[in-house]
């Protein structure tokens, strides 16, 4: 049996000197959009989330029934708040007048508030539940922003999509690895598909995800991480064995 299609995207767009001509489908529980800084990965997430309109293209959230989020030819542009897509951006933005717990609860239906306590636990935020955002460190703010998006996405009953833009960049590697492992298992349990952005080879391999290798607004390759990032992994291992410094 073939995997269900979570999302299909075709997109042509120009942003400055970057010309997008991209097409891909998401069929795995977790897909990583991998590429160097400036390759257009964040713009792709923004197009899916409804925060920008590509010049041409079509974006379909492929659940039953499928929902057309954007189609330039047919004149369809579904507003961001109706898309069933949750985004944790690279720069954490929290409601300044809400505690960590209240931020996470935002967007969670009243009937599903038990998700908030579970989210606090999974993101190691229990002791910060009543803390205001201005008292948080940068890493704590980032964890809270990702937790808010994840909590809301898990309540969509498998009909949504979670977008993560460099979700744990800058965190202590041990904490990052713990969070990624726990988040992956939780989202699999709730049947919440994920598209995340990274340029960290180690993170992509830890997730064991499908990988879309992206550069200059185009898809270069898509497939299992072991195949798509084999060269990058060898290069990283060579650097480590030679005493090189790992770049995030």
C-alpha atoms as a PDB file:
ATOM      1  CA  UNK A   1       0.000   0.000   0.000  1.00  0.00           C
ATOM      2  CA  UNK A   2       1.348   3.421  -0.943  1.00  0.00           C
ATOM      3  CA  UNK A   3       1.917   6.081   1.687  1.00  0.00           C
ATOM      4  CA  UNK A   4      -0.760   8.784   1.976  1.00  0.00           C
ATOM      5  CA  UNK A   5       0.215  12.176   0.618  1.00  0.00           C
ATOM      6  CA  UNK A   6       0.286  14.717   3.432  1.00  0.00           C
ATOM      7  CA  UNK A   7       1.069  17.670   1.195  1.00  0.00           C
ATOM      8  CA  UNK A   8       1.931  18.385  -2.433  1.00  0.00           C
ATOM      9  CA  UNK A   9       3.594  21.596  -3.585  1.00  0.00           C
ATOM     10  CA  UNK A  10       4.621  23.202  -6.828  1.00  0.00           C
ATOM     11  CA  UNK A  11       5.985  26.718  -6.598  1.00  0.00           C
ATOM     12  CA  UNK A  12       7.555  29.225  -8.941  1.00  0.00           C
ATOM     13  CA  UNK A  13       8.582  32.532  -7.469  1.00  0.00           C
ATOM     14  CA  UNK A  14      11.320  35.149  -7.527  1.00  0.00           C
ATOM     15  CA  UNK A  15      12.659  36.694  -4.354  1.00  0.00           C
ATOM     16  CA  UNK A  16      15.522  39.056  -4.999  1.00  0.00           C
ATOM     17  CA  UNK A  17      18.124  37.096  -6.948  1.00  0.00           C
ATOM     18  CA  UNK A  18      16.648  33.738  -5.899  1.00  0.00           C
ATOM     19  CA  UNK A  19      14.404  32.067  -8.492  1.00  0.00           C
ATOM     20  CA  UNK A  20      12.212  29.316  -7.034  1.00  0.00           C
ATOM     21  CA  UNK A  21      11.149  26.382  -9.183  1.00  0.00           C
ATOM     22  CA  UNK A  22      10.302  23.672  -6.678  1.00  0.00           C
ATOM     23  CA  UNK A  23       8.019  20.656  -6.522  1.00  0.00           C
ATOM     24  CA  UNK A  24       7.701  17.899  -3.916  1.00  0.00           C
ATOM     25  CA  UNK A  25       5.255  15.699  -2.004  1.00  0.00           C
ATOM     26  CA  UNK A  26       5.276  14.802   1.687  1.00  0.00           C
ATOM     27  CA  UNK A  27       4.375  11.160   2.350  1.00  0.00           C
ATOM     28  CA  UNK A  28       6.434  10.280   5.434  1.00  0.00           C
ATOM     29  CA  UNK A  29       5.649  11.133   9.083  1.00  0.00           C
ATOM     30  CA  UNK A  30       8.668  13.467   9.294  1.00  0.00           C
ATOM     31  CA  UNK A  31      10.386  15.185   6.359  1.00  0.00           C
ATOM     32  CA  UNK A  32      13.471  17.387   6.607  1.00  0.00           C
ATOM     33  CA  UNK A  33      14.053  20.274   4.214  1.00  0.00           C
ATOM     34  CA  UNK A  34      17.852  20.354   4.157  1.00  0.00           C
ATOM     35  CA  UNK A  35      20.073  22.974   2.586  1.00  0.00           C
ATOM     36  CA  UNK A  36      22.466  25.865   3.148  1.00  0.00           C
ATOM     37  CA  UNK A  37      21.446  29.223   4.562  1.00  0.00           C
ATOM     38  CA  UNK A  38      19.897  31.443   1.910  1.00  0.00           C
ATOM     39  CA  UNK A  39      18.646  28.567  -0.241  1.00  0.00           C
ATOM     40  CA  UNK A  40      14.977  29.474   0.266  1.00  0.00           C
ATOM     41  CA  UNK A  41      13.882  26.883   2.832  1.00  0.00           C
ATOM     42  CA  UNK A  42      12.110  29.370   5.109  1.00  0.00           C
ATOM     43  CA  UNK A  43      10.276  30.909   2.142  1.00  0.00           C
ATOM     44  CA  UNK A  44       8.864  27.474   1.290  1.00  0.00           C
ATOM     45  CA  UNK A  45       7.539  27.096   4.860  1.00  0.00           C
ATOM     46  CA  UNK A  46       6.008  30.569   4.714  1.00  0.00           C
ATOM     47  CA  UNK A  47       4.254  29.711   1.438  1.00  0.00           C
ATOM     48  CA  UNK A  48       2.771  26.546   2.957  1.00  0.00           C
ATOM     49  CA  UNK A  49       1.699  28.409   6.112  1.00  0.00           C
ATOM     50  CA  UNK A  50      -0.024  31.119   4.078  1.00  0.00           C
ATOM     51  CA  UNK A  51       2.337  33.949   5.023  1.00  0.00           C
ATOM     52  CA  UNK A  52       3.348  34.691   1.430  1.00  0.00           C
ATOM     53  CA  UNK A  53       1.870  34.104  -2.037  1.00  0.00           C
ATOM     54  CA  UNK A  54       4.085  32.482  -4.680  1.00  0.00           C
ATOM     55  CA  UNK A  55       3.967  33.991  -8.151  1.00  0.00           C
ATOM     56  CA  UNK A  56       2.593  30.712  -9.521  1.00  0.00           C
ATOM     57  CA  UNK A  57       1.999  27.229  -8.203  1.00  0.00           C
ATOM     58  CA  UNK A  58      -0.344  24.975  -6.268  1.00  0.00           C
ATOM     59  CA  UNK A  59      -0.272  23.761  -2.648  1.00  0.00           C
ATOM     60  CA  UNK A  60      -2.609  20.993  -1.498  1.00  0.00           C
ATOM     61  CA  UNK A  61      -2.963  19.593   2.015  1.00  0.00           C
ATOM     62  CA  UNK A  62      -3.559  16.002   1.045  1.00  0.00           C
ATOM     63  CA  UNK A  63      -5.834  14.608   3.698  1.00  0.00           C
ATOM     64  CA  UNK A  64      -9.274  13.179   3.025  1.00  0.00           C
ATOM     65  CA  UNK A  65     -10.783  15.300   1.771  1.00  0.00           C
ATOM     66  CA  UNK A  66      -7.831  17.129   0.229  1.00  0.00           C
ATOM     67  CA  UNK A  67      -7.777  20.892   0.745  1.00  0.00           C
ATOM     68  CA  UNK A  68      -6.364  23.268  -1.829  1.00  0.00           C
ATOM     69  CA  UNK A  69      -4.463  25.894   0.142  1.00  0.00           C
ATOM     70  CA  UNK A  70      -3.200  27.845  -2.859  1.00  0.00           C
ATOM     71  CA  UNK A  71      -3.710  27.729  -6.596  1.00  0.00           C
ATOM     72  CA  UNK A  72      -2.720  30.776  -8.596  1.00  0.00           C
ATOM     73  CA  UNK A  73      -4.441  29.570 -11.765  1.00  0.00           C
ATOM     74  CA  UNK A  74      -7.767  28.951  -9.996  1.00  0.00           C
ATOM     75  CA  UNK A  75      -7.448  32.049  -7.836  1.00  0.00           C
ATOM     76  CA  UNK A  76      -7.476  30.096  -4.555  1.00  0.00           C
ATOM     77  CA  UNK A  77      -5.699  31.496  -1.504  1.00  0.00           C
ATOM     78  CA  UNK A  78      -6.825  30.047   1.823  1.00  0.00           C
ATOM     79  CA  UNK A  79      -6.057  32.382   4.763  1.00  0.00           C
ATOM     80  CA  UNK A  80      -3.361  31.198   7.150  1.00  0.00           C
ATOM     81  CA  UNK A  81      -5.728  30.716  10.103  1.00  0.00           C
ATOM     82  CA  UNK A  82      -7.908  28.284   8.122  1.00  0.00           C
ATOM     83  CA  UNK A  83      -5.152  26.059   6.734  1.00  0.00           C
ATOM     84  CA  UNK A  84      -4.686  23.556   9.542  1.00  0.00           C
ATOM     85  CA  UNK A  85      -0.968  24.322   9.419  1.00  0.00           C
ATOM     86  CA  UNK A  86       1.044  25.265  12.507  1.00  0.00           C
ATOM     87  CA  UNK A  87       4.423  27.007  12.189  1.00  0.00           C
ATOM     88  CA  UNK A  88       7.218  27.514  14.713  1.00  0.00           C
ATOM     89  CA  UNK A  89       9.397  30.174  13.103  1.00  0.00           C
ATOM     90  CA  UNK A  90      13.138  30.619  13.438  1.00  0.00           C
ATOM     91  CA  UNK A  91      12.680  33.634  15.709  1.00  0.00           C
ATOM     92  CA  UNK A  92      10.503  32.748  18.681  1.00  0.00           C
ATOM     93  CA  UNK A  93       7.508  35.069  19.055  1.00  0.00           C
ATOM     94  CA  UNK A  94       5.468  34.673  22.231  1.00  0.00           C
ATOM     95  CA  UNK A  95       2.529  36.588  23.652  1.00  0.00           C
ATOM     96  CA  UNK A  96       4.278  38.884  26.162  1.00  0.00           C
ATOM     97  CA  UNK A  97       1.271  39.121  28.508  1.00  0.00           C
ATOM     98  CA  UNK A  98       0.886  35.321  28.845  1.00  0.00           C
ATOM     99  CA  UNK A  99       2.813  32.786  30.901  1.00  0.00           C
ATOM    100  CA  UNK A 100       4.577  29.852  29.278  1.00  0.00           C
ATOM    101  CA  UNK A 101       1.580  27.637  30.049  1.00  0.00           C
ATOM    102  CA  UNK A 102      -0.878  30.178  28.643  1.00  0.00           C
ATOM    103  CA  UNK A 103       1.204  30.580  25.477  1.00  0.00           C
ATOM    104  CA  UNK A 104       1.173  26.830  24.915  1.00  0.00           C
ATOM    105  CA  UNK A 105      -2.580  26.665  25.580  1.00  0.00           C
ATOM    106  CA  UNK A 106      -3.256  29.287  22.914  1.00  0.00           C
ATOM    107  CA  UNK A 107      -4.849  27.525  19.947  1.00  0.00           C
ATOM    108  CA  UNK A 108      -5.632  24.342  21.892  1.00  0.00           C
ATOM    109  CA  UNK A 109      -9.394  23.605  21.963  1.00  0.00           C
ATOM    110  CA  UNK A 110     -10.973  23.727  25.452  1.00  0.00           C
ATOM    111  CA  UNK A 111     -11.860  20.023  25.198  1.00  0.00           C
ATOM    112  CA  UNK A 112      -8.189  19.091  24.686  1.00  0.00           C
ATOM    113  CA  UNK A 113      -6.498  21.067  27.473  1.00  0.00           C
ATOM    114  CA  UNK A 114      -4.821  17.921  28.817  1.00  0.00           C
ATOM    115  CA  UNK A 115      -2.444  18.332  25.893  1.00  0.00           C
ATOM    116  CA  UNK A 116      -0.970  21.418  27.578  1.00  0.00           C
ATOM    117  CA  UNK A 117       0.316  19.474  30.601  1.00  0.00           C
ATOM    118  CA  UNK A 118       1.744  16.770  28.357  1.00  0.00           C
ATOM    119  CA  UNK A 119       3.469  19.398  26.228  1.00  0.00           C
ATOM    120  CA  UNK A 120       5.036  21.073  29.245  1.00  0.00           C
ATOM    121  CA  UNK A 121       6.452  17.714  30.314  1.00  0.00           C
ATOM    122  CA  UNK A 122       7.748  16.677  26.885  1.00  0.00           C
ATOM    123  CA  UNK A 123       9.497  20.008  26.342  1.00  0.00           C
ATOM    124  CA  UNK A 124      10.984  20.078  29.877  1.00  0.00           C
ATOM    125  CA  UNK A 125       9.081  23.260  30.691  1.00  0.00           C
ATOM    126  CA  UNK A 126       7.136  22.251  33.827  1.00  0.00           C
ATOM    127  CA  UNK A 127       9.178  24.459  36.174  1.00  0.00           C
ATOM    128  CA  UNK A 128       8.665  27.425  33.831  1.00  0.00           C
ATOM    129  CA  UNK A 129       4.897  27.017  33.415  1.00  0.00           C
ATOM    130  CA  UNK A 130       4.012  30.221  35.302  1.00  0.00           C
ATOM    131  CA  UNK A 131       6.964  32.245  33.974  1.00  0.00           C
ATOM    132  CA  UNK A 132       6.445  35.301  31.779  1.00  0.00           C
ATOM    133  CA  UNK A 133       8.297  35.405  28.431  1.00  0.00           C
ATOM    134  CA  UNK A 134      10.570  38.305  29.376  1.00  0.00           C
ATOM    135  CA  UNK A 135      12.108  36.150  32.113  1.00  0.00           C
ATOM    136  CA  UNK A 136      13.033  33.318  29.720  1.00  0.00           C
ATOM    137  CA  UNK A 137      16.383  32.674  28.096  1.00  0.00           C
ATOM    138  CA  UNK A 138      16.591  32.531  24.309  1.00  0.00           C
ATOM    139  CA  UNK A 139      16.569  28.736  24.348  1.00  0.00           C
ATOM    140  CA  UNK A 140      13.596  28.613  26.706  1.00  0.00           C
ATOM    141  CA  UNK A 141      11.676  31.011  24.472  1.00  0.00           C
ATOM    142  CA  UNK A 142      12.420  28.837  21.454  1.00  0.00           C
ATOM    143  CA  UNK A 143      11.287  25.679  23.225  1.00  0.00           C
ATOM    144  CA  UNK A 144       8.060  27.399  24.265  1.00  0.00           C
ATOM    145  CA  UNK A 145       7.339  28.568  20.713  1.00  0.00           C
ATOM    146  CA  UNK A 146       7.881  25.072  19.300  1.00  0.00           C
ATOM    147  CA  UNK A 147       5.808  23.583  22.118  1.00  0.00           C
ATOM    148  CA  UNK A 148       2.907  25.942  21.330  1.00  0.00           C
ATOM    149  CA  UNK A 149       2.900  24.984  17.644  1.00  0.00           C
ATOM    150  CA  UNK A 150       3.227  21.273  18.409  1.00  0.00           C
ATOM    151  CA  UNK A 151       0.476  21.267  21.031  1.00  0.00           C
ATOM    152  CA  UNK A 152      -1.978  22.913  18.650  1.00  0.00           C
ATOM    153  CA  UNK A 153      -1.002  20.634  15.744  1.00  0.00           C
ATOM    154  CA  UNK A 154      -1.613  17.462  17.755  1.00  0.00           C
ATOM    155  CA  UNK A 155      -5.225  18.514  18.410  1.00  0.00           C
ATOM    156  CA  UNK A 156      -6.081  18.645  14.695  1.00  0.00           C
ATOM    157  CA  UNK A 157      -6.855  14.927  14.670  1.00  0.00           C
ATOM    158  CA  UNK A 158      -4.272  13.971  12.054  1.00  0.00           C
ATOM    159  CA  UNK A 159      -5.644  16.490   9.562  1.00  0.00           C
ATOM    160  CA  UNK A 160      -2.980  19.163   9.988  1.00  0.00           C
ATOM    161  CA  UNK A 161       0.698  19.766   9.384  1.00  0.00           C
ATOM    162  CA  UNK A 162       3.457  21.015  11.682  1.00  0.00           C
ATOM    163  CA  UNK A 163       6.183  23.234  10.196  1.00  0.00           C
ATOM    164  CA  UNK A 164       9.395  23.736  12.181  1.00  0.00           C
ATOM    165  CA  UNK A 165      12.073  26.203  11.079  1.00  0.00           C
ATOM    166  CA  UNK A 166      15.402  25.281  12.730  1.00  0.00           C
ATOM    167  CA  UNK A 167      13.395  24.318  15.837  1.00  0.00           C
ATOM    168  CA  UNK A 168      16.241  23.741  18.271  1.00  0.00           C
ATOM    169  CA  UNK A 169      19.156  25.658  16.765  1.00  0.00           C
ATOM    170  CA  UNK A 170      21.537  26.912  19.426  1.00  0.00           C
ATOM    171  CA  UNK A 171      20.384  24.498  22.147  1.00  0.00           C
ATOM    172  CA  UNK A 172      22.742  22.298  24.117  1.00  0.00           C
ATOM    173  CA  UNK A 173      23.221  19.187  21.954  1.00  0.00           C
ATOM    174  CA  UNK A 174      22.165  16.758  24.690  1.00  0.00           C
ATOM    175  CA  UNK A 175      18.948  18.677  25.353  1.00  0.00           C
ATOM    176  CA  UNK A 176      18.302  19.021  21.629  1.00  0.00           C
ATOM    177  CA  UNK A 177      18.712  15.290  21.091  1.00  0.00           C
ATOM    178  CA  UNK A 178      16.362  14.494  23.998  1.00  0.00           C
ATOM    179  CA  UNK A 179      13.734  16.898  22.695  1.00  0.00           C
ATOM    180  CA  UNK A 180      13.918  15.639  19.122  1.00  0.00           C
ATOM    181  CA  UNK A 181      13.627  12.010  20.200  1.00  0.00           C
ATOM    182  CA  UNK A 182      10.633  12.699  22.437  1.00  0.00           C
ATOM    183  CA  UNK A 183       8.953  15.010  19.935  1.00  0.00           C
ATOM    184  CA  UNK A 184       9.321  12.493  17.110  1.00  0.00           C
ATOM    185  CA  UNK A 185       7.655   9.715  19.104  1.00  0.00           C
ATOM    186  CA  UNK A 186       4.846  11.985  20.340  1.00  0.00           C
ATOM    187  CA  UNK A 187       3.994  13.308  16.883  1.00  0.00           C
ATOM    188  CA  UNK A 188       4.040   9.774  15.484  1.00  0.00           C
ATOM    189  CA  UNK A 189       1.571   8.695  18.197  1.00  0.00           C
ATOM    190  CA  UNK A 190      -0.779  11.558  17.313  1.00  0.00           C
ATOM    191  CA  UNK A 191      -0.358  11.048  13.538  1.00  0.00           C
ATOM    192  CA  UNK A 192       0.885  14.618  13.096  1.00  0.00           C
ATOM    193  CA  UNK A 193       3.118  14.949  10.009  1.00  0.00           C
ATOM    194  CA  UNK A 194       6.084  17.320  10.155  1.00  0.00           C
ATOM    195  CA  UNK A 195       8.170  19.315   7.713  1.00  0.00           C
ATOM    196  CA  UNK A 196      11.221  20.768   9.448  1.00  0.00           C
ATOM    197  CA  UNK A 197      14.115  22.890   8.216  1.00  0.00           C
ATOM    198  CA  UNK A 198      17.737  22.268   9.116  1.00  0.00           C
ATOM    199  CA  UNK A 199      21.241  22.475   7.760  1.00  0.00           C
ATOM    200  CA  UNK A 200      22.561  20.223  10.539  1.00  0.00           C
ATOM    201  CA  UNK A 201      23.549  16.795   9.198  1.00  0.00           C
ATOM    202  CA  UNK A 202      23.529  15.189  12.637  1.00  0.00           C
ATOM    203  CA  UNK A 203      19.981  16.373  13.328  1.00  0.00           C
ATOM    204  CA  UNK A 204      18.729  14.948  10.030  1.00  0.00           C
ATOM    205  CA  UNK A 205      20.295  11.544  10.740  1.00  0.00           C
ATOM    206  CA  UNK A 206      19.002  11.459  14.309  1.00  0.00           C
ATOM    207  CA  UNK A 207      15.461  11.952  13.036  1.00  0.00           C
ATOM    208  CA  UNK A 208      15.879   9.167  10.464  1.00  0.00           C
ATOM    209  CA  UNK A 209      13.543  11.192   8.285  1.00  0.00           C
ATOM    210  CA  UNK A 210      12.819  11.571   4.628  1.00  0.00           C
ATOM    211  CA  UNK A 211      15.065  14.350   3.307  1.00  0.00           C
ATOM    212  CA  UNK A 212      14.474  16.952   0.625  1.00  0.00           C
ATOM    213  CA  UNK A 213      17.841  18.372  -0.381  1.00  0.00           C
ATOM    214  CA  UNK A 214      17.264  21.982  -1.350  1.00  0.00           C
ATOM    215  CA  UNK A 215      19.490  24.650  -2.918  1.00  0.00           C
ATOM    216  CA  UNK A 216      18.938  27.884  -4.824  1.00  0.00           C
ATOM    217  CA  UNK A 217      15.139  27.517  -4.705  1.00  0.00           C
ATOM    218  CA  UNK A 218      15.155  24.010  -6.209  1.00  0.00           C
ATOM    219  CA  UNK A 219      14.832  20.413  -5.065  1.00  0.00           C
ATOM    220  CA  UNK A 220      18.051  18.558  -5.820  1.00  0.00           C
ATOM    221  CA  UNK A 221      17.108  15.165  -4.388  1.00  0.00           C
ATOM    222  CA  UNK A 222      14.488  13.525  -2.162  1.00  0.00           C
ATOM    223  CA  UNK A 223      14.642  10.226  -0.318  1.00  0.00           C
ATOM    224  CA  UNK A 224      15.904   8.455   2.839  1.00  0.00           C
ATOM    225  CA  UNK A 225      18.473  10.410   4.833  1.00  0.00           C
ATOM    226  CA  UNK A 226      21.065   7.627   4.412  1.00  0.00           C
ATOM    227  CA  UNK A 227      20.964   8.077   0.646  1.00  0.00           C
ATOM    228  CA  UNK A 228      20.433  11.813   0.264  1.00  0.00           C
ATOM    229  CA  UNK A 229      22.990  12.980   2.837  1.00  0.00           C
ATOM    230  CA  UNK A 230      25.606  10.253   2.481  1.00  0.00           C
ATOM    231  CA  UNK A 231      28.272  12.644   1.160  1.00  0.00           C
ATOM    232  CA  UNK A 232      27.554  15.260   3.846  1.00  0.00           C
ATOM    233  CA  UNK A 233      27.836  12.593   6.540  1.00  0.00           C
ATOM    234  CA  UNK A 234      31.187  11.371   5.228  1.00  0.00           C
ATOM    235  CA  UNK A 235      32.462  14.938   5.090  1.00  0.00           C
ATOM    236  CA  UNK A 236      31.345  15.535   8.684  1.00  0.00           C
ATOM    237  CA  UNK A 237      32.985  12.320   9.898  1.00  0.00           C
ATOM    238  CA  UNK A 238      36.206  13.289   8.140  1.00  0.00           C
ATOM    239  CA  UNK A 239      36.159  16.667   9.869  1.00  0.00           C
ATOM    240  CA  UNK A 240      35.558  15.076  13.254  1.00  0.00           C
ATOM    241  CA  UNK A 241      38.236  12.437  12.845  1.00  0.00           C
ATOM    242  CA  UNK A 242      40.685  15.133  11.768  1.00  0.00           C
ATOM    243  CA  UNK A 243      39.932  17.258  14.792  1.00  0.00           C
ATOM    244  CA  UNK A 244      37.712  19.699  12.883  1.00  0.00           C
ATOM    245  CA  UNK A 245      35.050  21.739  14.603  1.00  0.00           C
ATOM    246  CA  UNK A 246      31.454  20.781  13.900  1.00  0.00           C
ATOM    247  CA  UNK A 247      29.413  23.539  12.310  1.00  0.00           C
ATOM    248  CA  UNK A 248      25.751  23.791  13.247  1.00  0.00           C
END
